[in-house]
Amino acid sequence: YMDVIENAFLSIWKMIDVTNLDYPDSYPLQRVRDGLKCLNDLLEQSSTAFFYDQTNPTIADYFAFDAFTAARDIHSKFLPHPCPALAKLEQVMKERPGLTNYFQKGLL
């Protein structure tokens, strides 16, 4: 699953001249940024670090975490600015025991 998201971002990245975001071909990049902005805005409405005011992550949190980190790792041009709720979600998710183990062992 993670490979699919990363490959999609990389495909978009290869198609777009990021130095000229006014060019019509930059539409996929704009869609990614708009989607991440929507996720950030929804997450900001939660009373917890997770979607739906949950105390534990749901599949939505894992999806948003994966999309945010994949986009950020490819290039900052994919990210809306600012996106503090997604950055906080990343921090909280990386503190989860399973994900901590995953990152510490370099399984990514």
C-alpha atoms as a PDB file:
ATOM      1  CA  TYR A   1       0.000   0.000   0.000  1.00  0.00           C
ATOM      2  CA  MET A   2       2.742   2.471   0.931  1.00  0.00           C
ATOM      3  CA  ASP A   3       4.508   1.730  -2.339  1.00  0.00           C
ATOM      4  CA  VAL A   4       1.363   2.671  -4.269  1.00  0.00           C
ATOM      5  CA  ILE A   5       1.140   6.092  -2.601  1.00  0.00           C
ATOM      6  CA  GLU A   6       4.848   6.787  -2.986  1.00  0.00           C
ATOM      7  CA  ASN A   7       4.823   5.684  -6.637  1.00  0.00           C
ATOM      8  CA  ALA A   8       1.846   7.954  -7.307  1.00  0.00           C
ATOM      9  CA  PHE A   9       3.662  10.931  -5.781  1.00  0.00           C
ATOM     10  CA  LEU A  10       6.838  10.122  -7.708  1.00  0.00           C
ATOM     11  CA  SER A  11       4.877   9.850 -10.961  1.00  0.00           C
ATOM     12  CA  ILE A  12       3.329  13.258 -10.352  1.00  0.00           C
ATOM     13  CA  TRP A  13       6.737  14.652  -9.425  1.00  0.00           C
ATOM     14  CA  LYS A  14       8.298  13.446 -12.680  1.00  0.00           C
ATOM     15  CA  MET A  15       5.513  15.031 -14.756  1.00  0.00           C
ATOM     16  CA  ILE A  16       5.620  18.504 -13.240  1.00  0.00           C
ATOM     17  CA  ASP A  17       7.940  21.445 -13.592  1.00  0.00           C
ATOM     18  CA  VAL A  18       7.805  22.573  -9.950  1.00  0.00           C
ATOM     19  CA  THR A  19       9.532  25.827 -10.798  1.00  0.00           C
ATOM     20  CA  ASN A  20       6.399  26.963 -12.643  1.00  0.00           C
ATOM     21  CA  LEU A  21       3.279  26.047 -10.663  1.00  0.00           C
ATOM     22  CA  ASP A  22       1.111  28.272 -12.878  1.00  0.00           C
ATOM     23  CA  TYR A  23       1.593  25.820 -15.724  1.00  0.00           C
ATOM     24  CA  PRO A  24      -1.519  23.654 -16.361  1.00  0.00           C
ATOM     25  CA  ASP A  25       0.467  20.447 -15.864  1.00  0.00           C
ATOM     26  CA  SER A  26       0.925  21.348 -12.198  1.00  0.00           C
ATOM     27  CA  TYR A  27      -2.718  20.444 -11.503  1.00  0.00           C
ATOM     28  CA  PRO A  28      -1.857  17.027  -9.933  1.00  0.00           C
ATOM     29  CA  LEU A  29       0.532  18.744  -7.517  1.00  0.00           C
ATOM     30  CA  GLN A  30      -2.142  21.294  -6.630  1.00  0.00           C
ATOM     31  CA  ARG A  31      -4.608  18.448  -5.989  1.00  0.00           C
ATOM     32  CA  VAL A  32      -2.193  16.748  -3.596  1.00  0.00           C
ATOM     33  CA  ARG A  33      -1.646  20.019  -1.715  1.00  0.00           C
ATOM     34  CA  ASP A  34      -5.377  20.735  -1.593  1.00  0.00           C
ATOM     35  CA  GLY A  35      -6.093  17.219  -0.323  1.00  0.00           C
ATOM     36  CA  LEU A  36      -3.467  17.486   2.397  1.00  0.00           C
ATOM     37  CA  LYS A  37      -4.799  20.910   3.359  1.00  0.00           C
ATOM     38  CA  CYS A  38      -8.294  19.424   3.742  1.00  0.00           C
ATOM     39  CA  LEU A  39      -6.907  16.631   5.925  1.00  0.00           C
ATOM     40  CA  ASN A  40      -5.033  19.189   8.026  1.00  0.00           C
ATOM     41  CA  ASP A  41      -8.172  21.346   8.384  1.00  0.00           C
ATOM     42  CA  LEU A  42     -10.286  18.356   9.452  1.00  0.00           C
ATOM     43  CA  LEU A  43      -7.660  17.221  11.916  1.00  0.00           C
ATOM     44  CA  GLU A  44      -7.455  20.687  13.449  1.00  0.00           C
ATOM     45  CA  GLN A  45     -11.136  20.369  14.401  1.00  0.00           C
ATOM     46  CA  SER A  46     -10.457  17.289  16.525  1.00  0.00           C
ATOM     47  CA  SER A  47     -10.022  17.640  20.266  1.00  0.00           C
ATOM     48  CA  THR A  48      -7.283  14.965  20.142  1.00  0.00           C
ATOM     49  CA  ALA A  49      -4.274  14.394  17.903  1.00  0.00           C
ATOM     50  CA  PHE A  50      -6.380  11.905  15.903  1.00  0.00           C
ATOM     51  CA  PHE A  51      -9.359  12.204  13.587  1.00  0.00           C
ATOM     52  CA  TYR A  52     -12.868  11.829  15.001  1.00  0.00           C
ATOM     53  CA  ASP A  53     -11.840  12.890  18.537  1.00  0.00           C
ATOM     54  CA  GLN A  54     -10.491   9.384  19.139  1.00  0.00           C
ATOM     55  CA  THR A  55      -7.865   8.559  21.740  1.00  0.00           C
ATOM     56  CA  ASN A  56      -6.344   5.932  19.414  1.00  0.00           C
ATOM     57  CA  PRO A  57      -5.693   6.155  15.682  1.00  0.00           C
ATOM     58  CA  THR A  58      -8.180   4.910  13.116  1.00  0.00           C
ATOM     59  CA  ILE A  59      -7.455   3.897   9.544  1.00  0.00           C
ATOM     60  CA  ALA A  60      -7.959   7.562   8.595  1.00  0.00           C
ATOM     61  CA  ASP A  61      -5.032   8.534  10.823  1.00  0.00           C
ATOM     62  CA  TYR A  62      -2.754   5.913   9.308  1.00  0.00           C
ATOM     63  CA  PHE A  63      -3.736   7.024   5.804  1.00  0.00           C
ATOM     64  CA  ALA A  64      -3.159  10.713   6.580  1.00  0.00           C
ATOM     65  CA  PHE A  65       0.178   9.886   8.263  1.00  0.00           C
ATOM     66  CA  ASP A  66       1.331   7.897   5.237  1.00  0.00           C
ATOM     67  CA  ALA A  67       0.178  10.478   2.702  1.00  0.00           C
ATOM     68  CA  PHE A  68       1.729  13.369   4.632  1.00  0.00           C
ATOM     69  CA  THR A  69       5.103  11.702   5.177  1.00  0.00           C
ATOM     70  CA  ALA A  70       5.309  10.398   1.602  1.00  0.00           C
ATOM     71  CA  ALA A  71       4.519  13.825   0.180  1.00  0.00           C
ATOM     72  CA  ARG A  72       6.966  15.545   2.522  1.00  0.00           C
ATOM     73  CA  ASP A  73       9.736  13.053   1.781  1.00  0.00           C
ATOM     74  CA  ILE A  74       9.438  13.605  -1.969  1.00  0.00           C
ATOM     75  CA  HIS A  75       9.382  17.402  -1.891  1.00  0.00           C
ATOM     76  CA  SER A  76       8.038  20.235   0.237  1.00  0.00           C
ATOM     77  CA  LYS A  77       6.176  21.568  -2.832  1.00  0.00           C
ATOM     78  CA  PHE A  78       3.571  18.840  -2.198  1.00  0.00           C
ATOM     79  CA  LEU A  79       2.728  20.276   1.226  1.00  0.00           C
ATOM     80  CA  PRO A  80       0.284  23.022   2.046  1.00  0.00           C
ATOM     81  CA  HIS A  81       1.772  25.617   4.350  1.00  0.00           C
ATOM     82  CA  PRO A  82       1.273  25.567   7.221  1.00  0.00           C
ATOM     83  CA  CYS A  83       0.093  22.077   8.179  1.00  0.00           C
ATOM     84  CA  PRO A  84       0.619  21.893  11.964  1.00  0.00           C
ATOM     85  CA  ALA A  85      -2.071  19.295  12.632  1.00  0.00           C
ATOM     86  CA  LEU A  86      -0.511  16.843  10.164  1.00  0.00           C
ATOM     87  CA  ALA A  87       2.943  17.503  11.624  1.00  0.00           C
ATOM     88  CA  LYS A  88       1.565  16.780  15.115  1.00  0.00           C
ATOM     89  CA  LEU A  89      -0.123  13.611  13.822  1.00  0.00           C
ATOM     90  CA  GLU A  90       3.217  12.465  12.407  1.00  0.00           C
ATOM     91  CA  GLN A  91       4.918  13.006  15.748  1.00  0.00           C
ATOM     92  CA  VAL A  92       2.201  11.187  17.694  1.00  0.00           C
ATOM     93  CA  MET A  93       2.073   8.289  15.221  1.00  0.00           C
ATOM     94  CA  LYS A  94       5.846   7.814  15.342  1.00  0.00           C
ATOM     95  CA  GLU A  95       5.562   7.435  19.138  1.00  0.00           C
ATOM     96  CA  ARG A  96       3.239   4.428  18.769  1.00  0.00           C
ATOM     97  CA  PRO A  97       5.122   1.243  19.776  1.00  0.00           C
ATOM     98  CA  GLY A  98       4.573  -0.614  16.501  1.00  0.00           C
ATOM     99  CA  LEU A  99       5.617   2.302  14.342  1.00  0.00           C
ATOM    100  CA  THR A 100       8.534   3.164  16.635  1.00  0.00           C
ATOM    101  CA  ASN A 101       9.848  -0.370  16.184  1.00  0.00           C
ATOM    102  CA  TYR A 102       9.257  -0.160  12.446  1.00  0.00           C
ATOM    103  CA  PHE A 103      11.258   3.059  12.071  1.00  0.00           C
ATOM    104  CA  GLN A 104      14.035   2.076  14.501  1.00  0.00           C
ATOM    105  CA  LYS A 105      14.721  -1.149  12.609  1.00  0.00           C
ATOM    106  CA  GLY A 106      14.788   0.664   9.284  1.00  0.00           C
ATOM    107  CA  LEU A 107      11.973  -1.406   7.856  1.00  0.00           C
ATOM    108  CA  LEU A 108      10.788   1.446   5.665  1.00  0.00           C
END
